[in-house]
Protein backbone atom coordinates (compact mmCIF):
# COMPACT_ATOMS: atom_id res chain seq x y z
CA MET A 1 119.22 179.29 199.74
CA MET A 2 118.17 175.68 199.85
CA ASP A 3 120.51 172.83 200.73
CA VAL A 4 119.74 169.73 198.68
CA HIS A 5 120.45 167.40 201.60
CA ASP A 6 117.95 168.83 204.09
CA ASP A 7 115.86 166.28 205.99
CA TYR A 8 112.56 168.10 205.39
CA ASN A 9 112.75 167.18 201.70
CA VAL A 10 112.13 163.46 202.22
CA CYS A 11 110.66 161.17 199.58
CA VAL A 12 107.20 159.90 200.61
CA ARG A 13 108.23 156.28 200.12
CA VAL A 14 111.24 156.75 202.41
CA ALA A 15 109.12 158.52 205.04
CA ILE A 16 106.42 155.80 205.10
CA ASN A 17 109.05 153.18 205.89
CA ARG A 18 110.04 155.17 208.99
CA ILE A 19 106.58 154.77 210.57
CA PRO A 20 106.42 151.87 213.06
CA PRO A 21 104.11 149.02 211.91
CA VAL A 22 101.83 149.60 214.91
CA LEU A 23 101.08 153.18 213.77
CA LYS A 24 100.37 152.22 210.13
CA SER A 25 97.06 150.62 211.12
CA TYR A 26 96.25 153.70 213.23
CA TYR A 27 96.69 155.96 210.20
CA ASN A 28 94.51 153.64 208.10
CA LEU A 29 91.71 153.87 210.70
CA LYS A 30 92.19 157.62 210.95
CA TRP A 31 91.77 157.89 207.18
CA LEU A 32 88.55 155.82 207.23
CA ALA A 33 87.12 158.03 209.98
CA ASN A 34 87.87 161.20 208.02
CA LYS A 35 84.68 163.24 207.49
CA ARG A 36 85.70 164.26 204.00
CA LEU A 37 85.68 160.63 202.91
CA ALA A 38 81.95 160.37 203.72
CA MET A 39 81.30 163.62 201.82
CA ARG A 40 83.15 162.34 198.75
CA ILE A 41 81.19 159.08 198.80
CA CYS A 42 77.86 160.93 199.13
CA ARG A 43 78.77 163.37 196.35
CA LYS A 44 79.77 160.51 194.03
CA ILE A 45 76.53 158.59 194.71
CA LEU A 46 74.37 161.70 194.22
CA SER A 47 76.14 162.60 190.97
CA ARG A 48 75.76 159.05 189.64
CA ILE A 49 71.99 159.00 190.22
CA GLY A 50 71.67 162.49 188.72
CA ILE A 51 70.69 164.53 191.77
CA MET A 52 73.95 166.48 191.96
CA SER A 53 76.16 167.57 189.07
CA PRO A 54 79.71 166.18 189.09
CA VAL A 55 82.63 168.40 190.05
CA PRO A 56 83.59 170.46 186.96
CA SER A 57 86.91 169.76 185.25
CA THR A 58 89.06 171.97 183.03
CA THR A 59 87.05 170.82 180.02
CA THR A 60 83.28 170.77 179.88
CA ALA A 61 81.63 169.03 176.93
CA GLY A 62 84.81 169.50 174.88
CA LYS A 63 84.88 173.29 175.38
CA ARG A 64 87.85 174.75 177.26
CA PHE A 65 87.24 177.54 179.73
CA THR A 66 89.70 180.33 180.43
CA PRO A 67 91.89 179.45 183.42
CA PRO A 68 92.42 181.95 186.26
CA GLU A 69 95.22 184.52 186.05
CA GLY A 70 98.72 182.97 186.25
CA VAL A 71 97.52 179.40 185.56
CA LEU A 72 98.45 177.72 182.28
CA GLY A 73 95.52 175.29 182.21
CA LEU A 74 97.69 172.53 180.74
CA SER A 75 96.17 169.40 179.25
CA PRO A 76 97.75 166.03 178.43
CA GLY A 77 99.71 166.32 175.19
CA ASP A 78 100.65 170.01 175.60
CA TYR A 79 104.34 170.85 175.26
CA VAL A 80 106.10 172.82 177.99
CA GLU A 81 109.54 174.09 178.84
CA ILE A 82 110.69 174.02 182.44
CA ASN A 83 111.77 177.45 183.64
CA SER A 84 115.41 178.20 184.43
CA ALA A 85 116.74 177.54 187.91
CA GLU A 86 116.76 181.27 188.71
CA GLU A 87 113.11 181.69 187.68
CA ILE A 88 112.09 178.70 189.78
CA ARG A 89 114.02 179.93 192.84
CA LYS A 90 111.99 183.16 192.72
CA THR A 91 108.76 181.16 193.13
CA LEU A 92 109.95 179.13 196.15
CA ASP A 93 109.56 180.06 199.81
CA VAL A 94 112.28 179.61 202.45
CA TYR A 95 111.44 175.89 202.71
CA GLY A 96 111.82 175.30 198.96
CA ARG A 97 108.06 175.09 198.30
CA HIS A 98 105.54 176.76 196.03
CA ASP A 99 101.94 176.50 197.20
CA ARG A 100 102.86 173.68 199.63
CA LEU A 101 104.63 171.60 196.95
CA TYR A 102 108.38 171.03 197.38
CA PHE A 103 110.72 171.49 194.46
CA MET A 104 112.81 168.36 194.99
CA ALA A 105 116.57 168.19 194.52
CA GLU A 106 116.16 165.74 191.62
CA GLN A 107 114.11 168.31 189.68
CA TRP A 108 116.94 170.83 189.18
CA GLN A 109 118.54 168.72 186.44
CA PHE A 110 115.49 169.22 184.20
CA CYS A 111 115.53 173.04 184.24
CA GLY A 112 115.43 174.59 180.76
CA LYS A 113 114.39 171.35 179.02
CA LYS A 114 111.23 170.70 176.99
CA PHE A 115 108.74 167.92 177.72
CA ARG A 116 105.20 166.85 176.96
CA VAL A 117 102.49 166.88 179.63
CA TYR A 118 101.53 163.32 180.60
CA LYS A 119 98.53 164.16 182.82
CA ARG A 120 97.10 166.60 185.34
CA VAL A 121 97.18 165.80 189.06
CA ASN A 122 94.04 166.74 190.99
CA ARG A 123 94.69 164.88 194.22
CA VAL A 124 97.54 162.98 195.85
CA LEU A 125 97.39 160.12 198.33
CA SER A 126 99.57 160.74 201.36
CA GLU A 127 101.16 157.37 202.09
CA GLN A 128 101.92 158.56 205.62
CA THR A 129 98.33 159.30 206.66
CA GLY A 130 96.28 157.59 203.96
CA ALA A 131 94.43 160.84 203.31
CA PHE A 132 93.93 162.39 199.90
CA LYS A 133 95.29 165.91 199.50
CA ARG A 134 94.10 168.32 196.85
CA ALA A 135 96.62 169.39 194.23
CA ARG A 136 96.12 172.62 192.30
CA ASN A 137 97.83 173.40 188.99
CA VAL A 138 100.08 170.34 189.12
CA VAL A 139 101.06 168.16 186.16
CA LEU A 140 103.21 165.12 185.42
CA LEU A 141 105.63 165.23 182.49
CA GLU A 142 106.39 162.32 180.16
CA GLY A 143 109.66 160.58 180.97
CA VAL A 144 110.45 162.73 184.01
CA CYS A 145 110.93 160.51 187.07
CA CYS A 146 112.87 160.78 190.31
CA ASP A 147 116.23 159.03 190.09
CA GLY A 148 116.58 158.93 193.88
CA SER A 149 120.09 160.39 193.82
CA HIS A 150 119.34 162.76 196.73
CA HIS A 151 117.17 160.28 198.66
CA LYS A 152 119.63 157.54 199.60
CA ASN A 153 119.49 156.11 196.04
CA CYS A 154 115.79 155.25 196.30
CA ASP A 155 114.87 153.20 193.23
CA ALA A 156 111.07 153.69 193.29
CA SER A 157 111.21 155.96 190.17
CA CYS A 158 108.29 158.13 191.32
CA PHE A 159 106.86 160.77 188.99
CA LEU A 160 107.97 164.29 189.82
CA PHE A 161 105.20 166.81 190.42
CA TRP A 162 105.45 170.10 188.51
CA LYS A 163 103.55 173.27 189.40
CA GLU A 164 102.39 175.22 186.37
CA ALA A 165 104.27 178.23 187.81
CA TRP A 166 107.52 176.38 187.05
CA LEU A 167 106.59 175.77 183.40
CA ARG A 168 105.88 177.74 180.25
CA ARG A 169 103.89 176.55 177.24
CA VAL A 170 105.85 176.04 173.98
CA GLU A 171 105.02 174.94 170.46
CA PRO A 172 105.64 171.27 169.61
């Protein structure tokens, strides 16, 4: 069972403020020296001049492909219902995560409610390290933001990330 006040479930904006100013520049330099950054730049240049095809998305020339088993393949504008708290607990590990993504304490209040998908999330910038991290099967929902009630009343109003495993598609 997860306690909503555990320290491991810290908002990124709160955590970045804990890093000493001297180390922030170190993390920026570390990010610039990251090998994957050079690969992304090369791939983007080669795709722009037509030598390499761009990374495929969920839609190709307006035609949807069938997503892998267990993935909803949500697009902006789709309507979803957030699973019940019991269904979500079954998907979480002992740390309160599903596929490395925490289910934050502020998200429990939205269980069982219906929302519209705002956009898909393909990568996330870690404010602690400055590195981009890949996000799989993650969406943002319209009007669903963190109220900061479990993070020392943080007022940043960050979007909450939702794994497709925590959602089910519904009719509008």
